[in-house]
Amino acid sequence: MIRVLIADDEPMIRAGVRSVLSTDPDIDVVAEAADGRDAVELVHRHRPAVAVLDIRMPGTNGIEAAAEIRRTVPETGVVMLTTFGEDDYILQALGGGAAGFLIKSGEPEELIAGVRAVADGAAYLSPKVAARVVAHLSATGAGAL
C-alpha cells in the first residue's frame, strides 16, 4: 500500500486529488494539510511514502515544505502538484528535493503514475514539465548528467 499525504490550501483541490488517488486500490491517503507547515508535521506523524504538495500555500509554501520533508524524513518522496509551471518553480522544487512535478491541468492518470513512480524511488515529470526542463537544459548548454 502506498501511503500518501496531500497538501493544498484549496479544499476542492484536496478533495479532487483524494478522489483521483482513491481510484487506485494500492494508494491510501493518510492525511491532508492546508499549508506547508502542517504538511511537514503530518509527514512526521504519518510517515507517508509520498507527499503531494501544492507550491503556493499560506505560511510555509510547498517548495519550503518539500525541502524540510526531504531533510528530516528522506524516505518520504515529494511530488509537486501545481497550476504554476514556470521554470523557476520547477527548478526550485526539483533542486529542493522534489522527485515529481505535475501540472493540475494534466490528466488524472499522470497523478497516479507520478505517485507510483516516486513511491518506487524514481522521478516523474508531467510531459509539459519535462519539455520545459529539456528546453532549459538545451538553452543553458548543460553538460552530461
Protein backbone atom coordinates (compact mmCIF):
# COMPACT_ATOMS: atom_id res chain seq x y z
CA MET A 1 0.00 0.00 0.00
CA ILE A 2 1.32 3.46 -0.94
CA ARG A 3 0.60 5.91 1.86
CA VAL A 4 0.08 9.50 0.63
CA LEU A 5 -0.27 12.94 2.19
CA ILE A 6 -2.00 15.73 0.23
CA ALA A 7 -1.25 19.41 0.93
CA ASP A 8 -3.15 22.18 -0.84
CA ASP A 9 -4.82 25.28 0.56
CA GLU A 10 -7.93 24.71 -1.60
CA PRO A 11 -10.37 22.18 -0.09
CA MET A 12 -11.88 21.42 -3.51
CA ILE A 13 -8.45 20.55 -4.92
CA ARG A 14 -7.65 18.29 -1.95
CA ALA A 15 -10.97 16.52 -2.47
CA GLY A 16 -10.28 16.10 -6.19
CA VAL A 17 -6.77 14.75 -5.61
CA ARG A 18 -8.11 12.35 -2.99
CA SER A 19 -10.82 11.24 -5.41
CA VAL A 20 -8.34 10.58 -8.23
CA LEU A 21 -5.94 8.71 -5.96
CA SER A 22 -8.78 6.62 -4.49
CA THR A 23 -9.30 5.03 -7.90
CA ASP A 24 -6.06 3.12 -7.36
CA PRO A 25 -6.55 0.32 -4.81
CA ASP A 26 -2.86 0.43 -3.88
CA ILE A 27 -2.94 4.09 -2.77
CA ASP A 28 -4.17 5.23 0.64
CA VAL A 29 -4.45 8.93 1.50
CA VAL A 30 -3.47 9.02 5.17
CA ALA A 31 -3.51 12.80 5.81
CA GLU A 32 -4.37 16.19 4.35
CA ALA A 33 -3.00 19.65 5.10
CA ALA A 34 -3.95 23.18 4.06
CA ASP A 35 -0.44 24.63 4.40
CA GLY A 36 3.17 23.60 4.23
CA ARG A 37 3.87 23.76 7.95
CA ASP A 38 1.01 21.34 8.69
CA ALA A 39 2.18 19.12 5.83
CA VAL A 40 5.64 18.78 7.39
CA GLU A 41 4.14 18.00 10.80
CA LEU A 42 1.79 15.38 9.31
CA VAL A 43 4.62 13.75 7.36
CA HIS A 44 6.49 13.35 10.65
CA ARG A 45 3.39 11.85 12.27
CA HIS A 46 2.13 9.56 9.47
CA ARG A 47 5.35 8.74 7.54
CA PRO A 48 3.71 8.52 4.09
CA ALA A 49 5.66 7.15 1.14
CA VAL A 50 4.73 10.25 -0.88
CA ALA A 51 3.71 13.82 -0.07
CA VAL A 52 1.78 15.60 -2.84
CA LEU A 53 2.29 19.34 -2.31
CA ASP A 54 0.96 22.50 -3.92
CA ILE A 55 3.56 25.23 -4.42
CA ARG A 56 1.60 28.28 -3.31
CA MET A 57 0.14 27.84 0.15
CA PRO A 58 -0.12 30.26 3.05
CA GLY A 59 2.69 30.27 5.59
CA THR A 60 5.26 27.71 4.56
CA ASN A 61 4.96 27.19 0.81
CA GLY A 62 5.26 23.83 -0.93
CA ILE A 63 8.87 24.32 -2.03
CA GLU A 64 9.97 25.11 1.53
CA ALA A 65 7.91 22.20 2.87
CA ALA A 66 9.43 19.83 0.28
CA ALA A 67 12.95 20.79 1.32
CA GLU A 68 12.12 20.31 5.02
CA ILE A 69 10.46 16.94 4.37
CA ARG A 70 13.41 15.69 2.33
CA ARG A 71 15.85 16.91 5.01
CA THR A 72 14.03 15.43 8.01
CA VAL A 73 12.10 12.45 6.57
CA PRO A 74 14.14 11.46 3.50
CA GLU A 75 12.20 8.24 2.98
CA THR A 76 9.13 10.31 2.01
CA GLY A 77 9.18 11.26 -1.66
CA VAL A 78 7.72 14.58 -2.76
CA VAL A 79 5.53 15.31 -5.78
CA MET A 80 4.70 18.93 -6.54
CA LEU A 81 1.19 19.41 -7.99
CA THR A 82 0.53 22.96 -9.10
CA THR A 83 -1.07 25.28 -11.61
CA PHE A 84 2.26 27.10 -11.90
CA GLY A 85 4.65 25.53 -14.41
CA GLU A 86 7.12 28.40 -14.60
CA ASP A 87 10.74 27.40 -14.99
CA ASP A 88 11.79 28.99 -11.69
CA TYR A 89 9.24 26.95 -9.74
CA ILE A 90 10.21 23.74 -11.50
CA LEU A 91 13.92 24.27 -10.86
CA GLN A 92 13.40 25.36 -7.23
CA ALA A 93 11.18 22.35 -6.50
CA LEU A 94 13.48 19.82 -8.11
CA GLY A 95 16.53 21.48 -6.58
CA GLY A 96 14.84 21.32 -3.18
CA GLY A 97 14.34 17.58 -3.38
CA ALA A 98 11.02 17.05 -5.15
CA ALA A 99 11.13 13.90 -7.25
CA GLY A 100 7.96 14.71 -9.18
CA PHE A 101 6.39 17.78 -10.72
CA LEU A 102 2.86 17.71 -12.13
CA ILE A 103 0.55 20.38 -13.51
CA LYS A 104 -3.03 20.42 -12.21
CA SER A 105 -4.35 20.75 -15.78
CA GLY A 106 -2.81 17.35 -16.63
CA GLU A 107 -4.60 14.05 -16.92
CA PRO A 108 -5.65 12.26 -13.71
CA GLU A 109 -3.60 9.23 -14.77
CA GLU A 110 -0.47 11.40 -14.53
CA LEU A 111 -1.11 11.93 -10.82
CA ILE A 112 -1.37 8.22 -10.16
CA ALA A 113 1.68 7.47 -12.32
CA GLY A 114 3.66 10.19 -10.55
CA VAL A 115 2.77 8.96 -7.07
CA ARG A 116 3.60 5.37 -8.02
CA ALA A 117 6.92 6.34 -9.62
CA VAL A 118 8.06 8.44 -6.66
CA ALA A 119 6.95 5.75 -4.20
CA ASP A 120 9.18 3.34 -6.16
CA GLY A 121 12.15 5.69 -5.80
CA ALA A 122 12.00 7.09 -9.34
CA ALA A 123 11.32 10.60 -10.63
CA TYR A 124 8.27 11.70 -12.59
CA LEU A 125 7.63 14.87 -14.57
CA SER A 126 4.43 15.60 -16.44
CA PRO A 127 5.10 15.74 -20.19
CA LYS A 128 4.67 19.54 -20.26
CA VAL A 129 7.16 19.95 -17.42
CA ALA A 130 9.62 17.51 -18.98
CA ALA A 131 9.54 19.54 -22.20
CA ARG A 132 10.34 22.73 -20.26
CA VAL A 133 13.22 21.06 -18.41
CA VAL A 134 14.67 19.78 -21.70
CA ALA A 135 14.32 23.23 -23.27
CA HIS A 136 16.01 24.83 -20.24
CA LEU A 137 18.90 22.38 -20.37
CA SER A 138 19.29 22.93 -24.10
CA ALA A 139 19.25 26.73 -23.69
CA THR A 140 21.77 26.72 -20.84
CA GLY A 141 24.11 24.30 -22.56
CA ALA A 142 24.07 21.92 -19.61
CA GLY A 143 26.65 19.18 -19.93
CA ALA A 144 26.48 15.49 -19.25
CA LEU A 145 24.32 14.11 -16.50
